Every structure is written in C-alpha cells, then in structure tokens.
Amino acid sequence: MTMMATSNIKGRRSFSISISALYLAGDSAQEEILTKLLAGDTIDVYLRPEVGTGEREWQGTVRITSMSEDLPNDDALATDIEMQGTGALVDGTQT
C-alpha cells in the first residue's frame, strides 16, 4: 500500500492511496470496493501503522478512482486499487 499526502497551498491538503493485492473472486470486501467504484460512492478509511488502543491513526474519506486486475507472468490474479481523498486526513488516536 502506498499513501501520498501533499500540501501545495497553505491550508489546502490532499491525499491518495494506492493498494496492490491478490484478487480473490467472491471476496465480499473486494466486491464492495467495486460496487462503490461503480456508484461513485465514498468510503471511510483508517490508516494504522500499528494496531492497538492508544496507537496513532489517520482517518479520512476517499472516492475509489480505479480498480484493475492483472495476471502477471501467468501467476496469481492481482488487483490494483486507486483512491483519492475527498477531504482532510485527520490525525488521531485509536480507541
């Protein structure tokens, strides 16, 4: 997973997230991502470098901008998902 955040104009910020993963046919989470992409809906994301109460996290809302599948080298089916933040990425603490 790759995350990029920028601040080009004071007070104006943006972020994007790129994910590469194995594609699993019938996986409910991947099916939901495709449904949200086709509908143009947003989803809430929580970025957690470490998981646990009191650990740092960033919260934001994203719109899925693309989802593609590939079969590199006749290997397992891979999927790439691109998301663009729709607002601020908020720094917080896990509860």
C-alpha atoms as a PDB file:
ATOM      1  CA  MET A   1       0.000   0.000   0.000  1.00  0.00           C
ATOM      2  CA  THR A   2       1.214   3.488  -0.820  1.00  0.00           C
ATOM      3  CA  MET A   3      -0.089   6.697   0.674  1.00  0.00           C
ATOM      4  CA  MET A   4       0.726  10.173  -0.561  1.00  0.00           C
ATOM      5  CA  ALA A   5      -0.254  13.440   1.135  1.00  0.00           C
ATOM      6  CA  THR A   6       0.520  16.896  -0.174  1.00  0.00           C
ATOM      7  CA  SER A   7       0.146  20.490   0.894  1.00  0.00           C
ATOM      8  CA  ASN A   8       0.641  22.855  -2.054  1.00  0.00           C
ATOM      9  CA  ILE A   9      -1.283  25.893  -0.841  1.00  0.00           C
ATOM     10  CA  LYS A  10      -1.328  26.835   2.828  1.00  0.00           C
ATOM     11  CA  GLY A  11      -4.390  25.222   4.398  1.00  0.00           C
ATOM     12  CA  ARG A  12      -5.189  23.112   1.333  1.00  0.00           C
ATOM     13  CA  ARG A  13      -4.272  19.451   1.621  1.00  0.00           C
ATOM     14  CA  SER A  14      -4.961  16.310  -0.351  1.00  0.00           C
ATOM     15  CA  PHE A  15      -4.120  12.622  -0.147  1.00  0.00           C
ATOM     16  CA  SER A  16      -4.323   9.492  -2.235  1.00  0.00           C
ATOM     17  CA  ILE A  17      -3.932   5.777  -1.527  1.00  0.00           C
ATOM     18  CA  SER A  18      -2.741   3.002  -3.863  1.00  0.00           C
ATOM     19  CA  ILE A  19      -3.206  -0.673  -2.989  1.00  0.00           C
ATOM     20  CA  SER A  20      -1.865  -3.754  -4.769  1.00  0.00           C
ATOM     21  CA  ALA A  21      -3.247  -7.083  -3.577  1.00  0.00           C
ATOM     22  CA  LEU A  22      -4.230 -10.559  -4.693  1.00  0.00           C
ATOM     23  CA  TYR A  23      -7.655 -10.645  -6.309  1.00  0.00           C
ATOM     24  CA  LEU A  24      -9.985 -13.114  -4.615  1.00  0.00           C
ATOM     25  CA  ALA A  25     -13.137 -13.926  -6.603  1.00  0.00           C
ATOM     26  CA  GLY A  26     -16.201 -13.701  -4.382  1.00  0.00           C
ATOM     27  CA  ASP A  27     -14.378 -11.759  -1.623  1.00  0.00           C
ATOM     28  CA  SER A  28     -17.027  -9.501  -0.063  1.00  0.00           C
ATOM     29  CA  ALA A  29     -14.626  -6.610   0.671  1.00  0.00           C
ATOM     30  CA  GLN A  30     -13.349  -6.513  -2.922  1.00  0.00           C
ATOM     31  CA  GLU A  31     -16.898  -6.770  -4.257  1.00  0.00           C
ATOM     32  CA  GLU A  32     -17.913  -3.811  -2.048  1.00  0.00           C
ATOM     33  CA  ILE A  33     -14.993  -1.749  -3.378  1.00  0.00           C
ATOM     34  CA  LEU A  34     -16.113  -2.463  -6.965  1.00  0.00           C
ATOM     35  CA  THR A  35     -19.716  -1.560  -6.081  1.00  0.00           C
ATOM     36  CA  LYS A  36     -18.569   1.755  -4.517  1.00  0.00           C
ATOM     37  CA  LEU A  37     -16.418   2.499  -7.578  1.00  0.00           C
ATOM     38  CA  LEU A  38     -19.309   1.947  -9.992  1.00  0.00           C
ATOM     39  CA  ALA A  39     -21.712   4.015  -7.855  1.00  0.00           C
ATOM     40  CA  GLY A  40     -19.215   6.849  -7.285  1.00  0.00           C
ATOM     41  CA  ASP A  41     -19.708   6.478  -3.521  1.00  0.00           C
ATOM     42  CA  THR A  42     -17.144   7.365  -0.868  1.00  0.00           C
ATOM     43  CA  ILE A  43     -15.762   5.167   1.894  1.00  0.00           C
ATOM     44  CA  ASP A  44     -14.127   5.945   5.230  1.00  0.00           C
ATOM     45  CA  VAL A  45     -10.533   4.779   5.655  1.00  0.00           C
ATOM     46  CA  TYR A  46      -8.414   4.322   8.768  1.00  0.00           C
ATOM     47  CA  LEU A  47      -4.652   4.165   8.273  1.00  0.00           C
ATOM     48  CA  ARG A  48      -2.977   2.435  11.212  1.00  0.00           C
ATOM     49  CA  PRO A  49       0.798   1.845  11.240  1.00  0.00           C
ATOM     50  CA  GLU A  50       0.356  -0.148  14.480  1.00  0.00           C
ATOM     51  CA  VAL A  51      -2.934  -1.583  15.746  1.00  0.00           C
ATOM     52  CA  GLY A  52      -3.984  -1.121  19.372  1.00  0.00           C
ATOM     53  CA  THR A  53      -5.687   1.192  21.832  1.00  0.00           C
ATOM     54  CA  GLY A  54      -3.756   4.457  22.148  1.00  0.00           C
ATOM     55  CA  GLU A  55      -1.843   3.934  18.876  1.00  0.00           C
ATOM     56  CA  ARG A  56      -1.791   6.637  16.204  1.00  0.00           C
ATOM     57  CA  GLU A  57      -4.163   6.572  13.222  1.00  0.00           C
ATOM     58  CA  TRP A  58      -5.223   8.798  10.354  1.00  0.00           C
ATOM     59  CA  GLN A  59      -8.865   8.943   9.284  1.00  0.00           C
ATOM     60  CA  GLY A  60     -10.242  10.186   6.013  1.00  0.00           C
ATOM     61  CA  THR A  61     -12.842   9.712   3.318  1.00  0.00           C
ATOM     62  CA  VAL A  62     -11.910   8.527  -0.168  1.00  0.00           C
ATOM     63  CA  ARG A  63     -13.500   8.002  -3.538  1.00  0.00           C
ATOM     64  CA  ILE A  64     -12.266   4.932  -5.415  1.00  0.00           C
ATOM     65  CA  THR A  65     -10.994   6.180  -8.766  1.00  0.00           C
ATOM     66  CA  SER A  66      -9.881   2.910 -10.364  1.00  0.00           C
ATOM     67  CA  MET A  67      -9.690  -0.831  -9.833  1.00  0.00           C
ATOM     68  CA  SER A  68      -7.933  -3.155 -12.258  1.00  0.00           C
ATOM     69  CA  GLU A  69      -6.945  -6.806 -12.391  1.00  0.00           C
ATOM     70  CA  ASP A  70      -3.831  -8.272 -13.958  1.00  0.00           C
ATOM     71  CA  LEU A  71      -2.326 -11.728 -14.408  1.00  0.00           C
ATOM     72  CA  PRO A  72       1.425 -11.063 -14.332  1.00  0.00           C
ATOM     73  CA  ASN A  73       3.638 -13.897 -15.555  1.00  0.00           C
ATOM     74  CA  ASP A  74       0.733 -16.383 -15.512  1.00  0.00           C
ATOM     75  CA  ASP A  75       0.762 -16.052 -11.730  1.00  0.00           C
ATOM     76  CA  ALA A  76      -1.976 -15.276  -9.195  1.00  0.00           C
ATOM     77  CA  LEU A  77      -4.527 -12.679 -10.254  1.00  0.00           C
ATOM     78  CA  ALA A  78      -3.550  -9.268  -8.858  1.00  0.00           C
ATOM     79  CA  THR A  79      -5.701  -6.182  -8.333  1.00  0.00           C
ATOM     80  CA  ASP A  80      -4.648  -2.539  -8.124  1.00  0.00           C
ATOM     81  CA  ILE A  81      -6.936  -0.016  -6.424  1.00  0.00           C
ATOM     82  CA  GLU A  82      -6.520   3.765  -6.549  1.00  0.00           C
ATOM     83  CA  MET A  83      -8.328   6.085  -4.127  1.00  0.00           C
ATOM     84  CA  GLN A  84      -8.421   9.867  -3.861  1.00  0.00           C
ATOM     85  CA  GLY A  85      -9.146  11.681  -0.593  1.00  0.00           C
ATOM     86  CA  THR A  86     -12.232  13.891  -0.587  1.00  0.00           C
ATOM     87  CA  GLY A  87     -11.322  15.992   2.429  1.00  0.00           C
ATOM     88  CA  ALA A  88      -8.853  16.281   5.251  1.00  0.00           C
ATOM     89  CA  LEU A  89      -6.779  13.387   6.527  1.00  0.00           C
ATOM     90  CA  VAL A  90      -7.234  13.692  10.298  1.00  0.00           C
ATOM     91  CA  ASP A  91      -4.519  12.643  12.751  1.00  0.00           C
ATOM     92  CA  GLY A  92      -5.897  10.817  15.787  1.00  0.00           C
ATOM     93  CA  THR A  93      -5.547   8.043  18.347  1.00  0.00           C
ATOM     94  CA  GLN A  94      -7.152   4.599  18.201  1.00  0.00           C
ATOM     95  CA  THR A  95      -9.764   3.857  20.849  1.00  0.00           C
END
